[in-house]
Amino acid sequence: MIAPANSILSIRDLVTVFETPGRRVVAVDGVSFDIGKAQMFGLVGESGCGKTATCRSILRLFSGAPARILAGSILYNGIDLAQMDEHRLSDIRGAEIGMIFQDPMTSLNPTMRIGKQIAEGLRRHRGLGRRQARQAAIDLLGTVGVPRPATRFDDYPHQFSGGMRQRVLIAIALACRPRLLIADEPTTALDVTIQDQILRLLLRLKDEFSMSVLLVTHDLGVVAQTCDRVAVMYAGRIVEAANTQALFKRSLHPYTRALLASLPRDDGQALTPIGGAPPDLAVPPAGCRFHPRCRYAVDACRSADKVLATVADGHATGCIRFDVLP
C-alpha cells in the first residue's frame, strides 16, 4: 500500500485485539485514516470506543496488556510500524513519534526528579551529555510554560499541580522534536481554564515545530477549537471522517449528530442524551454497530458493511442512509 503523498501517518484496516482465556475483544476493528504533515487531526468518541487502543497500536505500547495487532498496516513516512521489529521501533518512540498519555500522575515516575525524566530521552535519542541534557531539559520546561524551570528541574512530580504535570509530559514528548505527536486525552483531568491553556500550548508548539498532532478526545468542542480534520469512532470503528468545518456544518452519521446534540448550547436548551449504551466489543452487533441506538435504523443497517463511503471532498461516512437524514 502507498500512503498519500502529503501524509506522515496512514493507517489502513487496523485490527487490534485483547485476549484473555475465554474472552476476545476486538478493540480496533478495521480502522483507516491519514494524518497530513503539520496537521492537527482529531480522533473523537465515547470512552471505551477504541481511541486509546488505536493510539497505543501505533507504537505498540500496550503496557503489558494481552493485546496484539491482528491485521492492517501503520505507515509512518512509508514504513510499516506494524511489521517493524521491537528494537527498531524503540528508536522511533520518543525520537520521531512522541506521546502524551492521559494521566500525568501515573505516567510520570514519582521517585524520579522531573528534569531527569526529560533528560533521559535527550541522552538516549540525541546523544547529549549530562550537562547538555540538563540545559536542554530546562529550556524545554521554559518552552512549555513551567515557571522558574532551572529550579523546578529538581522537583518531583508530586510537587507540581495537575496542569504543570501535563506541561512536563508535553516537554518529555517534545524533547527530541518529533515529527508526530500523539496526545491521548491531554486535558481530561484539568479544569476549563487549564484545559484552554494546554490546548493553546499544543497549537503553538505544532506551528513552532511544524509537527503533526493526533489529538484524542471525547469532546467535540475541543475538536472544533483545534483540529483541521476529525474522525469519529464508535465501538472500535471509524463511522465518519471529514474536515472539521464540514463535520460541524453537516454531519453524515447519526452517531456524530447524537454527539453534537449532547453538547451544551448557548440558547439554554436541554442536552439530548444518546439513548441506550455502547455494545460489548466481545459480542458486538452485526452490521452498523450504532443501529441498536439509532432512530433512523432500518433492517439493512443490521447487515451494513463497515467500510466508509466517501461522499464529497474527503467527507466519508459509514451510514448507508446518510442521504435521507434530515
C-alpha atoms as a PDB file:
ATOM      1  CA  MET A   1       0.000   0.000   0.000  1.00  0.00           C
ATOM      2  CA  ILE A   2       1.243   3.504  -0.863  1.00  0.00           C
ATOM      3  CA  ALA A   3       0.395   6.336   1.512  1.00  0.00           C
ATOM      4  CA  PRO A   4      -0.906   9.670   0.184  1.00  0.00           C
ATOM      5  CA  ALA A   5       1.975  11.995  -0.712  1.00  0.00           C
ATOM      6  CA  ASN A   6       1.148  14.605   1.946  1.00  0.00           C
ATOM      7  CA  SER A   7       0.605  12.129   4.787  1.00  0.00           C
ATOM      8  CA  ILE A   8       3.004  11.474   7.631  1.00  0.00           C
ATOM      9  CA  LEU A   9       0.847   8.624   9.007  1.00  0.00           C
ATOM     10  CA  SER A  10      -1.513   6.346   7.086  1.00  0.00           C
ATOM     11  CA  ILE A  11      -3.403   3.627   8.937  1.00  0.00           C
ATOM     12  CA  ARG A  12      -5.229   1.017   6.863  1.00  0.00           C
ATOM     13  CA  ASP A  13      -7.633  -1.691   8.048  1.00  0.00           C
ATOM     14  CA  LEU A  14      -6.068  -1.862  11.507  1.00  0.00           C
ATOM     15  CA  VAL A  15      -7.362  -4.634  13.755  1.00  0.00           C
ATOM     16  CA  THR A  16      -6.180  -4.836  17.389  1.00  0.00           C
ATOM     17  CA  VAL A  17      -7.452  -7.491  19.779  1.00  0.00           C
ATOM     18  CA  PHE A  18      -7.237  -8.020  23.534  1.00  0.00           C
ATOM     19  CA  GLU A  19      -7.348 -11.685  24.504  1.00  0.00           C
ATOM     20  CA  THR A  20      -7.736 -13.410  27.838  1.00  0.00           C
ATOM     21  CA  PRO A  21      -8.780 -17.009  28.496  1.00  0.00           C
ATOM     22  CA  GLY A  22     -12.335 -17.397  27.214  1.00  0.00           C
ATOM     23  CA  ARG A  23     -12.710 -13.797  26.038  1.00  0.00           C
ATOM     24  CA  ARG A  24     -11.564 -11.890  22.978  1.00  0.00           C
ATOM     25  CA  VAL A  25     -12.262  -8.184  22.454  1.00  0.00           C
ATOM     26  CA  VAL A  26     -11.712  -6.544  19.083  1.00  0.00           C
ATOM     27  CA  ALA A  27     -10.923  -3.055  20.362  1.00  0.00           C
ATOM     28  CA  VAL A  28      -9.921  -1.683  16.951  1.00  0.00           C
ATOM     29  CA  ASP A  29     -11.824  -3.140  14.017  1.00  0.00           C
ATOM     30  CA  GLY A  30     -10.749  -2.178  10.513  1.00  0.00           C
ATOM     31  CA  VAL A  31      -9.737   1.405  11.301  1.00  0.00           C
ATOM     32  CA  SER A  32      -8.276   3.557   8.490  1.00  0.00           C
ATOM     33  CA  PHE A  33      -7.270   7.224   8.411  1.00  0.00           C
ATOM     34  CA  ASP A  34      -4.493   9.559   7.240  1.00  0.00           C
ATOM     35  CA  ILE A  35      -2.740  12.394   9.079  1.00  0.00           C
ATOM     36  CA  GLY A  36      -1.192  15.096   6.923  1.00  0.00           C
ATOM     37  CA  LYS A  37       2.101  16.826   7.535  1.00  0.00           C
ATOM     38  CA  ALA A  38       1.792  19.659  10.101  1.00  0.00           C
ATOM     39  CA  GLN A  39      -1.905  18.765  10.544  1.00  0.00           C
ATOM     40  CA  MET A  40      -3.912  18.627  13.777  1.00  0.00           C
ATOM     41  CA  PHE A  41      -6.082  15.511  13.446  1.00  0.00           C
ATOM     42  CA  GLY A  42      -8.826  14.737  15.963  1.00  0.00           C
ATOM     43  CA  LEU A  43      -9.990  11.265  16.944  1.00  0.00           C
ATOM     44  CA  VAL A  44     -13.213  11.563  18.922  1.00  0.00           C
ATOM     45  CA  GLY A  45     -15.731   9.228  20.543  1.00  0.00           C
ATOM     46  CA  GLU A  46     -17.185   7.945  23.815  1.00  0.00           C
ATOM     47  CA  SER A  47     -14.999   6.329  26.462  1.00  0.00           C
ATOM     48  CA  GLY A  48     -14.232   2.724  25.564  1.00  0.00           C
ATOM     49  CA  CYS A  49     -14.723   3.157  21.818  1.00  0.00           C
ATOM     50  CA  GLY A  50     -11.129   2.211  20.964  1.00  0.00           C
ATOM     51  CA  LYS A  51      -9.395   5.599  20.705  1.00  0.00           C
ATOM     52  CA  THR A  52      -6.600   4.814  23.169  1.00  0.00           C
ATOM     53  CA  ALA A  53      -6.180   1.295  21.759  1.00  0.00           C
ATOM     54  CA  THR A  54      -5.693   2.850  18.315  1.00  0.00           C
ATOM     55  CA  CYS A  55      -3.045   5.236  19.667  1.00  0.00           C
ATOM     56  CA  ARG A  56      -1.181   2.552  21.547  1.00  0.00           C
ATOM     57  CA  SER A  57      -1.274   0.304  18.470  1.00  0.00           C
ATOM     58  CA  ILE A  58       0.712   2.886  16.502  1.00  0.00           C
ATOM     59  CA  LEU A  59       3.738   2.416  18.787  1.00  0.00           C
ATOM     60  CA  ARG A  60       2.734  -0.987  20.197  1.00  0.00           C
ATOM     61  CA  LEU A  61       2.595   0.430  23.723  1.00  0.00           C
ATOM     62  CA  PHE A  62       0.164  -1.911  25.442  1.00  0.00           C
ATOM     63  CA  SER A  63       1.623  -1.684  28.972  1.00  0.00           C
ATOM     64  CA  GLY A  64       1.671  -5.428  29.449  1.00  0.00           C
ATOM     65  CA  ALA A  65      -1.971  -5.878  28.400  1.00  0.00           C
ATOM     66  CA  PRO A  66      -2.758  -9.074  26.445  1.00  0.00           C
ATOM     67  CA  ALA A  67      -3.057  -7.152  23.169  1.00  0.00           C
ATOM     68  CA  ARG A  68      -1.767  -7.642  19.658  1.00  0.00           C
ATOM     69  CA  ILE A  69      -2.206  -6.235  16.181  1.00  0.00           C
ATOM     70  CA  LEU A  70      -4.061  -8.856  14.195  1.00  0.00           C
ATOM     71  CA  ALA A  71      -4.192  -7.162  10.783  1.00  0.00           C
ATOM     72  CA  GLY A  72      -3.641  -3.930   8.913  1.00  0.00           C
ATOM     73  CA  SER A  73      -0.790  -1.514   8.320  1.00  0.00           C
ATOM     74  CA  ILE A  74       0.532   1.614  10.066  1.00  0.00           C
ATOM     75  CA  LEU A  75       2.627   3.536   7.566  1.00  0.00           C
ATOM     76  CA  TYR A  76       4.845   6.225   9.072  1.00  0.00           C
ATOM     77  CA  ASN A  77       6.670   8.028   6.256  1.00  0.00           C
ATOM     78  CA  GLY A  78       6.058   4.961   4.109  1.00  0.00           C
ATOM     79  CA  ILE A  79       7.434   2.451   6.643  1.00  0.00           C
ATOM     80  CA  ASP A  80       5.038  -0.046   8.239  1.00  0.00           C
ATOM     81  CA  LEU A  81       5.346   0.208  12.021  1.00  0.00           C
ATOM     82  CA  ALA A  82       3.078  -2.833  12.443  1.00  0.00           C
ATOM     83  CA  GLN A  83       5.763  -5.043  10.858  1.00  0.00           C
ATOM     84  CA  MET A  84       8.779  -3.337  12.419  1.00  0.00           C
ATOM     85  CA  ASP A  85      10.941  -5.227  14.911  1.00  0.00           C
ATOM     86  CA  GLU A  86      10.881  -4.039  18.514  1.00  0.00           C
ATOM     87  CA  HIS A  87      14.469  -2.758  18.559  1.00  0.00           C
ATOM     88  CA  ARG A  88      13.970  -0.508  15.552  1.00  0.00           C
ATOM     89  CA  LEU A  89      10.581   0.670  16.810  1.00  0.00           C
ATOM     90  CA  SER A  90      12.140   1.681  20.143  1.00  0.00           C
ATOM     91  CA  ASP A  91      14.387   4.086  18.235  1.00  0.00           C
ATOM     92  CA  ILE A  92      11.321   5.777  16.726  1.00  0.00           C
ATOM     93  CA  ARG A  93       9.385   6.060  20.007  1.00  0.00           C
ATOM     94  CA  GLY A  94      10.148   9.419  21.529  1.00  0.00           C
ATOM     95  CA  ALA A  95      12.617  10.391  18.799  1.00  0.00           C
ATOM     96  CA  GLU A  96      10.245  10.684  15.822  1.00  0.00           C
ATOM     97  CA  ILE A  97       6.849   9.980  17.387  1.00  0.00           C
ATOM     98  CA  GLY A  98       6.092  11.419  20.819  1.00  0.00           C
ATOM     99  CA  MET A  99       3.128  10.527  23.013  1.00  0.00           C
ATOM    100  CA  ILE A 100       1.315  12.360  25.802  1.00  0.00           C
ATOM    101  CA  PHE A 101      -0.584   9.928  27.994  1.00  0.00           C
ATOM    102  CA  GLN A 102      -3.927  10.511  29.715  1.00  0.00           C
ATOM    103  CA  ASP A 103      -2.942  10.741  33.376  1.00  0.00           C
ATOM    104  CA  PRO A 104       0.244  12.680  34.149  1.00  0.00           C
ATOM    105  CA  MET A 105       0.417  11.411  37.739  1.00  0.00           C
ATOM    106  CA  THR A 106       0.581   7.763  36.675  1.00  0.00           C
ATOM    107  CA  SER A 107       2.670   8.470  33.558  1.00  0.00           C
ATOM    108  CA  LEU A 108       5.489  10.168  35.462  1.00  0.00           C
ATOM    109  CA  ASN A 109       7.847   8.228  37.732  1.00  0.00           C
ATOM    110  CA  PRO A 110       7.023   9.503  41.265  1.00  0.00           C
ATOM    111  CA  THR A 111      10.515   8.619  42.559  1.00  0.00           C
ATOM    112  CA  MET A 112      12.479  10.433  39.851  1.00  0.00           C
ATOM    113  CA  ARG A 113      13.090  14.167  39.553  1.00  0.00           C
ATOM    114  CA  ILE A 114      11.216  15.868  36.734  1.00  0.00           C
ATOM    115  CA  GLY A 115      14.330  17.104  34.980  1.00  0.00           C
ATOM    116  CA  LYS A 116      15.922  13.677  34.888  1.00  0.00           C
ATOM    117  CA  GLN A 117      12.780  12.223  33.276  1.00  0.00           C
ATOM    118  CA  ILE A 118      13.023  14.791  30.482  1.00  0.00           C
ATOM    119  CA  ALA A 119      16.795  14.392  30.114  1.00  0.00           C
ATOM    120  CA  GLU A 120      16.568  10.599  29.656  1.00  0.00           C
ATOM    121  CA  GLY A 121      15.154  10.870  26.135  1.00  0.00           C
ATOM    122  CA  LEU A 122      17.604  13.624  25.217  1.00  0.00           C
ATOM    123  CA  ARG A 123      20.569  11.484  26.206  1.00  0.00           C
ATOM    124  CA  ARG A 124      19.260   8.335  24.535  1.00  0.00           C
ATOM    125  CA  HIS A 125      17.963   9.715  21.241  1.00  0.00           C
ATOM    126  CA  ARG A 126      20.051  12.860  20.753  1.00  0.00           C
ATOM    127  CA  GLY A 127      23.262  11.638  22.368  1.00  0.00           C
ATOM    128  CA  LEU A 128      23.627  14.650  24.649  1.00  0.00           C
ATOM    129  CA  GLY A 129      25.973  14.636  27.605  1.00  0.00           C
ATOM    130  CA  ARG A 130      24.722  15.111  31.159  1.00  0.00           C
ATOM    131  CA  ARG A 131      25.227  18.887  31.254  1.00  0.00           C
ATOM    132  CA  GLN A 132      23.857  19.426  27.750  1.00  0.00           C
ATOM    133  CA  ALA A 133      20.797  17.307  28.536  1.00  0.00           C
ATOM    134  CA  ARG A 134      20.193  19.234  31.740  1.00  0.00           C
ATOM    135  CA  GLN A 135      20.266  22.589  29.963  1.00  0.00           C
ATOM    136  CA  ALA A 136      18.093  21.302  27.123  1.00  0.00           C
ATOM    137  CA  ALA A 137      15.567  19.965  29.657  1.00  0.00           C
ATOM    138  CA  ILE A 138      15.488  23.327  31.462  1.00  0.00           C
ATOM    139  CA  ASP A 139      14.922  25.058  28.121  1.00  0.00           C
ATOM    140  CA  LEU A 140      12.051  22.659  27.360  1.00  0.00           C
ATOM    141  CA  LEU A 141      10.403  23.351  30.711  1.00  0.00           C
ATOM    142  CA  GLY A 142      10.537  27.029  29.867  1.00  0.00           C
ATOM    143  CA  THR A 143       9.127  26.379  26.376  1.00  0.00           C
ATOM    144  CA  VAL A 144       6.057  24.639  27.776  1.00  0.00           C
ATOM    145  CA  GLY A 145       5.434  27.385  30.318  1.00  0.00           C
ATOM    146  CA  VAL A 146       6.789  25.978  33.588  1.00  0.00           C
ATOM    147  CA  PRO A 147       7.925  28.969  35.714  1.00  0.00           C
ATOM    148  CA  ARG A 148      11.430  29.006  37.213  1.00  0.00           C
ATOM    149  CA  PRO A 149      12.470  25.986  35.099  1.00  0.00           C
ATOM    150  CA  ALA A 150      16.015  25.789  36.449  1.00  0.00           C
ATOM    151  CA  THR A 151      14.632  25.411  39.974  1.00  0.00           C
ATOM    152  CA  ARG A 152      11.738  23.114  39.063  1.00  0.00           C
ATOM    153  CA  PHE A 153      14.152  20.773  37.225  1.00  0.00           C
ATOM    154  CA  ASP A 154      15.000  19.127  40.562  1.00  0.00           C
ATOM    155  CA  ASP A 155      11.427  18.805  41.845  1.00  0.00           C
ATOM    156  CA  TYR A 156       9.385  15.590  41.962  1.00  0.00           C
ATOM    157  CA  PRO A 157       6.005  15.056  40.240  1.00  0.00           C
ATOM    158  CA  HIS A 158       4.006  15.420  43.466  1.00  0.00           C
ATOM    159  CA  GLN A 159       5.347  18.965  43.807  1.00  0.00           C
ATOM    160  CA  PHE A 160       3.600  20.024  40.578  1.00  0.00           C
ATOM    161  CA  SER A 161      -0.065  20.844  40.026  1.00  0.00           C
ATOM    162  CA  GLY A 162      -2.097  18.799  37.525  1.00  0.00           C
ATOM    163  CA  GLY A 163      -1.697  21.417  34.807  1.00  0.00           C
ATOM    164  CA  MET A 164       2.046  21.707  35.395  1.00  0.00           C
ATOM    165  CA  ARG A 165       2.460  17.909  35.342  1.00  0.00           C
ATOM    166  CA  GLN A 166       0.696  17.885  31.980  1.00  0.00           C
ATOM    167  CA  ARG A 167       3.177  20.501  30.739  1.00  0.00           C
ATOM    168  CA  VAL A 168       6.016  18.258  31.906  1.00  0.00           C
ATOM    169  CA  LEU A 169       4.565  15.367  29.896  1.00  0.00           C
ATOM    170  CA  ILE A 170       4.417  17.633  26.857  1.00  0.00           C
ATOM    171  CA  ALA A 171       8.062  18.599  27.430  1.00  0.00           C
ATOM    172  CA  ILE A 172       9.048  14.909  27.574  1.00  0.00           C
ATOM    173  CA  ALA A 173       7.079  14.161  24.387  1.00  0.00           C
ATOM    174  CA  LEU A 174       8.685  17.120  22.563  1.00  0.00           C
ATOM    175  CA  ALA A 175      12.234  16.605  23.844  1.00  0.00           C
ATOM    176  CA  CYS A 176      13.528  15.159  20.576  1.00  0.00           C
ATOM    177  CA  ARG A 177      11.426  17.362  18.279  1.00  0.00           C
ATOM    178  CA  PRO A 178       9.202  14.521  16.988  1.00  0.00           C
ATOM    179  CA  ARG A 179       7.532  14.830  13.609  1.00  0.00           C
ATOM    180  CA  LEU A 180       4.306  13.332  15.007  1.00  0.00           C
ATOM    181  CA  LEU A 181       2.808  13.884  18.462  1.00  0.00           C
ATOM    182  CA  ILE A 182       0.065  11.619  19.823  1.00  0.00           C
ATOM    183  CA  ALA A 183      -1.906  13.416  22.542  1.00  0.00           C
ATOM    184  CA  ASP A 184      -4.272  10.975  24.266  1.00  0.00           C
ATOM    185  CA  GLU A 185      -6.916  12.961  26.187  1.00  0.00           C
ATOM    186  CA  PRO A 186      -4.296  15.510  27.322  1.00  0.00           C
ATOM    187  CA  THR A 187      -6.811  17.784  29.093  1.00  0.00           C
ATOM    188  CA  THR A 188      -9.350  15.347  30.555  1.00  0.00           C
ATOM    189  CA  ALA A 189      -8.474  15.765  34.259  1.00  0.00           C
ATOM    190  CA  LEU A 190      -7.925  19.527  34.074  1.00  0.00           C
ATOM    191  CA  ASP A 191     -10.287  22.389  34.813  1.00  0.00           C
ATOM    192  CA  VAL A 192     -11.581  24.500  31.920  1.00  0.00           C
ATOM    193  CA  THR A 193      -9.054  27.322  32.318  1.00  0.00           C
ATOM    194  CA  ILE A 194      -6.042  24.998  32.400  1.00  0.00           C
ATOM    195  CA  GLN A 195      -7.524  22.924  29.567  1.00  0.00           C
ATOM    196  CA  ASP A 196      -7.620  26.025  27.375  1.00  0.00           C
ATOM    197  CA  GLN A 197      -4.002  26.841  28.251  1.00  0.00           C
ATOM    198  CA  ILE A 198      -2.825  23.339  27.337  1.00  0.00           C
ATOM    199  CA  LEU A 199      -4.706  23.359  24.016  1.00  0.00           C
ATOM    200  CA  ARG A 200      -3.269  26.758  23.111  1.00  0.00           C
ATOM    201  CA  LEU A 201       0.187  25.465  24.023  1.00  0.00           C
ATOM    202  CA  LEU A 202      -0.216  22.414  21.751  1.00  0.00           C
ATOM    203  CA  LEU A 203      -1.337  24.603  18.857  1.00  0.00           C
ATOM    204  CA  ARG A 204       1.597  26.969  19.338  1.00  0.00           C
ATOM    205  CA  LEU A 205       4.121  24.145  19.534  1.00  0.00           C
ATOM    206  CA  LYS A 206       2.599  22.417  16.497  1.00  0.00           C
ATOM    207  CA  ASP A 207       3.212  25.539  14.437  1.00  0.00           C
ATOM    208  CA  GLU A 208       6.607  26.253  16.005  1.00  0.00           C
ATOM    209  CA  PHE A 209       7.937  22.746  15.334  1.00  0.00           C
ATOM    210  CA  SER A 210       5.941  22.102  12.076  1.00  0.00           C
ATOM    211  CA  MET A 211       4.633  18.997  13.792  1.00  0.00           C
ATOM    212  CA  SER A 212       1.644  16.758  13.065  1.00  0.00           C
ATOM    213  CA  VAL A 213      -0.640  16.029  16.016  1.00  0.00           C
ATOM    214  CA  LEU A 214      -3.106  13.201  16.634  1.00  0.00           C
ATOM    215  CA  LEU A 215      -5.412  14.622  19.305  1.00  0.00           C
ATOM    216  CA  VAL A 216      -7.601  12.058  21.052  1.00  0.00           C
ATOM    217  CA  THR A 217     -10.630  13.366  22.926  1.00  0.00           C
ATOM    218  CA  HIS A 218     -14.266  12.667  23.780  1.00  0.00           C
ATOM    219  CA  ASP A 219     -15.053  16.381  23.471  1.00  0.00           C
ATOM    220  CA  LEU A 220     -16.198  17.707  20.093  1.00  0.00           C
ATOM    221  CA  GLY A 221     -15.896  21.217  21.497  1.00  0.00           C
ATOM    222  CA  VAL A 222     -12.139  20.694  21.827  1.00  0.00           C
ATOM    223  CA  VAL A 223     -12.017  19.377  18.262  1.00  0.00           C
ATOM    224  CA  ALA A 224     -13.836  22.473  16.979  1.00  0.00           C
ATOM    225  CA  GLN A 225     -11.206  24.720  18.596  1.00  0.00           C
ATOM    226  CA  THR A 226      -8.097  22.901  17.445  1.00  0.00           C
ATOM    227  CA  CYS A 227      -8.382  20.335  14.648  1.00  0.00           C
ATOM    228  CA  ASP A 228      -8.082  20.585  10.873  1.00  0.00           C
ATOM    229  CA  ARG A 229      -9.663  17.185  10.317  1.00  0.00           C
ATOM    230  CA  VAL A 230     -11.556  14.740  12.523  1.00  0.00           C
ATOM    231  CA  ALA A 231     -12.562  11.082  12.617  1.00  0.00           C
ATOM    232  CA  VAL A 232     -15.446   9.903  14.800  1.00  0.00           C
ATOM    233  CA  MET A 233     -15.062   6.473  16.387  1.00  0.00           C
ATOM    234  CA  TYR A 234     -17.753   4.198  17.775  1.00  0.00           C
ATOM    235  CA  ALA A 235     -17.404   0.640  19.120  1.00  0.00           C
ATOM    236  CA  GLY A 236     -13.999   0.046  17.562  1.00  0.00           C
ATOM    237  CA  ARG A 237     -14.765   1.539  14.145  1.00  0.00           C
ATOM    238  CA  ILE A 238     -14.477   4.887  12.384  1.00  0.00           C
ATOM    239  CA  VAL A 239     -18.037   5.912  11.494  1.00  0.00           C
ATOM    240  CA  GLU A 240     -17.336   9.336   9.970  1.00  0.00           C
ATOM    241  CA  ALA A 241     -14.315  11.365   8.859  1.00  0.00           C
ATOM    242  CA  ALA A 242     -14.218  14.882   7.438  1.00  0.00           C
ATOM    243  CA  ASN A 243     -12.668  18.302   7.571  1.00  0.00           C
ATOM    244  CA  THR A 244     -13.708  19.808  10.890  1.00  0.00           C
ATOM    245  CA  GLN A 245     -15.792  22.624   9.400  1.00  0.00           C
ATOM    246  CA  ALA A 246     -17.663  20.202   7.128  1.00  0.00           C
ATOM    247  CA  LEU A 247     -18.398  17.856  10.020  1.00  0.00           C
ATOM    248  CA  PHE A 248     -19.898  20.623  12.144  1.00  0.00           C
ATOM    249  CA  LYS A 249     -21.774  22.136   9.205  1.00  0.00           C
ATOM    250  CA  ARG A 250     -23.486  18.875   8.234  1.00  0.00           C
ATOM    251  CA  SER A 251     -22.555  15.570   9.817  1.00  0.00           C
ATOM    252  CA  LEU A 252     -23.476  12.456   7.858  1.00  0.00           C
ATOM    253  CA  HIS A 253     -23.738   9.807  10.560  1.00  0.00           C
ATOM    254  CA  PRO A 254     -26.457   9.561  13.248  1.00  0.00           C
ATOM    255  CA  TYR A 255     -23.851   8.903  15.942  1.00  0.00           C
ATOM    256  CA  THR A 256     -21.955  12.103  15.119  1.00  0.00           C
ATOM    257  CA  ARG A 257     -25.233  14.003  15.185  1.00  0.00           C
ATOM    258  CA  ALA A 258     -26.078  12.480  18.552  1.00  0.00           C
ATOM    259  CA  LEU A 259     -22.695  13.587  19.936  1.00  0.00           C
ATOM    260  CA  LEU A 260     -23.266  17.110  18.647  1.00  0.00           C
ATOM    261  CA  ALA A 261     -26.766  17.192  20.139  1.00  0.00           C
ATOM    262  CA  SER A 262     -25.336  16.273  23.538  1.00  0.00           C
ATOM    263  CA  LEU A 263     -23.055  19.354  23.617  1.00  0.00           C
ATOM    264  CA  PRO A 264     -24.027  22.344  25.801  1.00  0.00           C
ATOM    265  CA  ARG A 265     -25.723  25.098  23.784  1.00  0.00           C
ATOM    266  CA  ASP A 266     -25.706  28.876  24.072  1.00  0.00           C
ATOM    267  CA  ASP A 267     -29.505  29.084  23.767  1.00  0.00           C
ATOM    268  CA  GLY A 268     -30.024  27.232  27.053  1.00  0.00           C
ATOM    269  CA  GLN A 269     -31.833  24.233  25.553  1.00  0.00           C
ATOM    270  CA  ALA A 270     -31.601  20.974  27.460  1.00  0.00           C
ATOM    271  CA  LEU A 271     -28.966  18.449  26.428  1.00  0.00           C
ATOM    272  CA  THR A 272     -30.164  15.498  24.365  1.00  0.00           C
ATOM    273  CA  PRO A 273     -28.711  12.253  25.743  1.00  0.00           C
ATOM    274  CA  ILE A 274     -27.866   9.314  23.484  1.00  0.00           C
ATOM    275  CA  GLY A 275     -30.255   6.501  24.342  1.00  0.00           C
ATOM    276  CA  GLY A 276     -29.014   3.025  25.177  1.00  0.00           C
ATOM    277  CA  ALA A 277     -25.420   2.017  25.820  1.00  0.00           C
ATOM    278  CA  PRO A 278     -22.364   1.151  23.703  1.00  0.00           C
ATOM    279  CA  PRO A 279     -22.126  -2.548  22.800  1.00  0.00           C
ATOM    280  CA  ASP A 280     -19.878  -5.126  24.409  1.00  0.00           C
ATOM    281  CA  LEU A 281     -16.952  -5.405  21.973  1.00  0.00           C
ATOM    282  CA  ALA A 282     -16.612  -9.095  22.819  1.00  0.00           C
ATOM    283  CA  VAL A 283     -20.043  -9.686  21.237  1.00  0.00           C
ATOM    284  CA  PRO A 284     -20.728  -6.633  19.025  1.00  0.00           C
ATOM    285  CA  PRO A 285     -23.921  -6.338  16.957  1.00  0.00           C
ATOM    286  CA  ALA A 286     -23.780  -7.244  13.280  1.00  0.00           C
ATOM    287  CA  GLY A 287     -23.792  -4.568  10.603  1.00  0.00           C
ATOM    288  CA  CYS A 288     -23.639  -0.944  11.727  1.00  0.00           C
ATOM    289  CA  ARG A 289     -22.744  -1.078  15.404  1.00  0.00           C
ATOM    290  CA  PHE A 290     -24.777   2.004  16.181  1.00  0.00           C
ATOM    291  CA  HIS A 291     -28.046   0.612  14.791  1.00  0.00           C
ATOM    292  CA  PRO A 292     -29.424  -0.621  18.170  1.00  0.00           C
ATOM    293  CA  ARG A 293     -29.328   3.007  19.405  1.00  0.00           C
ATOM    294  CA  CYS A 294     -30.198   4.722  16.111  1.00  0.00           C
ATOM    295  CA  ARG A 295     -33.655   6.130  15.435  1.00  0.00           C
ATOM    296  CA  TYR A 296     -33.001   6.091  11.679  1.00  0.00           C
ATOM    297  CA  ALA A 297     -32.049   2.396  11.521  1.00  0.00           C
ATOM    298  CA  VAL A 298     -33.755   0.014   9.095  1.00  0.00           C
ATOM    299  CA  ASP A 299     -33.304  -3.720   8.517  1.00  0.00           C
ATOM    300  CA  ALA A 300     -30.463  -3.115   6.038  1.00  0.00           C
ATOM    301  CA  CYS A 301     -28.424  -1.466   8.803  1.00  0.00           C
ATOM    302  CA  ARG A 302     -28.187  -4.823  10.586  1.00  0.00           C
ATOM    303  CA  SER A 303     -26.029  -6.193   7.762  1.00  0.00           C
ATOM    304  CA  ALA A 304     -24.341  -2.997   6.526  1.00  0.00           C
ATOM    305  CA  ASP A 305     -20.685  -3.143   5.513  1.00  0.00           C
ATOM    306  CA  LYS A 306     -18.246  -1.449   7.888  1.00  0.00           C
ATOM    307  CA  VAL A 307     -16.389   0.317   5.048  1.00  0.00           C
ATOM    308  CA  LEU A 308     -16.665   4.116   4.938  1.00  0.00           C
ATOM    309  CA  ALA A 309     -18.123   5.646   1.770  1.00  0.00           C
ATOM    310  CA  THR A 310     -16.603   8.929   0.611  1.00  0.00           C
ATOM    311  CA  VAL A 311     -19.403  11.343  -0.235  1.00  0.00           C
ATOM    312  CA  ALA A 312     -17.552  14.506  -1.307  1.00  0.00           C
ATOM    313  CA  ASP A 313     -14.343  16.450  -0.633  1.00  0.00           C
ATOM    314  CA  GLY A 314     -12.896  13.826   1.690  1.00  0.00           C
ATOM    315  CA  HIS A 315     -16.084  13.559   3.777  1.00  0.00           C
ATOM    316  CA  ALA A 316     -16.689   9.864   4.462  1.00  0.00           C
ATOM    317  CA  THR A 317     -19.464   8.136   6.391  1.00  0.00           C
ATOM    318  CA  GLY A 318     -20.320   4.618   7.455  1.00  0.00           C
ATOM    319  CA  CYS A 319     -24.076   5.293   7.381  1.00  0.00           C
ATOM    320  CA  ILE A 320     -25.890   3.733   4.419  1.00  0.00           C
ATOM    321  CA  ARG A 321     -28.815   6.154   4.947  1.00  0.00           C
ATOM    322  CA  PHE A 322     -26.824   9.396   5.100  1.00  0.00           C
ATOM    323  CA  ASP A 323     -28.716  10.802   2.092  1.00  0.00           C
ATOM    324  CA  VAL A 324     -32.092  10.579   3.836  1.00  0.00           C
ATOM    325  CA  LEU A 325     -31.027  12.069   7.187  1.00  0.00           C
ATOM    326  CA  PRO A 326     -32.921  15.293   7.911  1.00  0.00           C
END
